[in-house]
């Protein structure tokens, strides 16, 4: 479980670094929705 959380953190860091600046609103909303969905799945497990 810890490895998967670390993988998520790394993926987010790389995504933000590769954009060379702030991400656009639509991308931020998609990422937030994916994180919310994952949190709900964990709560229901």
Protein backbone atom coordinates (compact mmCIF):
# COMPACT_ATOMS: atom_id res chain seq x y z
CA UNK A 1 0.00 0.00 0.00
CA UNK A 2 2.79 2.43 0.87
CA UNK A 3 4.51 1.80 -2.45
CA UNK A 4 1.32 2.64 -4.32
CA UNK A 5 0.91 5.89 -2.40
CA UNK A 6 4.54 6.76 -3.18
CA UNK A 7 3.93 5.96 -6.86
CA UNK A 8 0.97 8.36 -6.86
CA UNK A 9 3.07 11.09 -5.28
CA UNK A 10 5.84 10.58 -7.83
CA UNK A 11 3.37 10.60 -10.73
CA UNK A 12 1.90 13.89 -9.53
CA UNK A 13 5.34 15.45 -9.06
CA UNK A 14 6.44 14.37 -12.54
CA UNK A 15 3.20 15.59 -14.09
CA UNK A 16 3.59 19.00 -12.51
CA UNK A 17 7.29 19.21 -13.43
CA UNK A 18 6.72 18.23 -17.06
CA UNK A 19 4.16 20.98 -17.60
CA UNK A 20 6.83 23.64 -16.98
CA UNK A 21 4.47 25.73 -14.91
CA UNK A 22 1.01 25.60 -13.45
CA UNK A 23 -1.47 23.16 -14.91
CA UNK A 24 -4.69 24.43 -16.45
CA UNK A 25 -7.99 24.41 -14.62
CA UNK A 26 -9.44 21.47 -16.58
CA UNK A 27 -6.42 19.27 -15.81
CA UNK A 28 -6.52 20.24 -12.13
CA UNK A 29 -10.20 19.31 -11.99
CA UNK A 30 -9.57 15.92 -13.65
CA UNK A 31 -6.77 15.13 -11.20
CA UNK A 32 -8.91 16.21 -8.24
CA UNK A 33 -11.82 14.06 -9.46
CA UNK A 34 -9.54 11.04 -9.79
CA UNK A 35 -8.20 11.56 -6.26
CA UNK A 36 -11.74 11.98 -4.89
CA UNK A 37 -12.84 8.77 -6.60
CA UNK A 38 -9.85 6.89 -5.17
CA UNK A 39 -10.59 8.23 -1.68
CA UNK A 40 -14.20 7.09 -1.91
CA UNK A 41 -13.13 3.63 -3.07
CA UNK A 42 -10.80 3.33 -0.08
CA UNK A 43 -13.54 4.44 2.31
CA UNK A 44 -15.89 1.80 0.90
CA UNK A 45 -13.34 -1.01 1.00
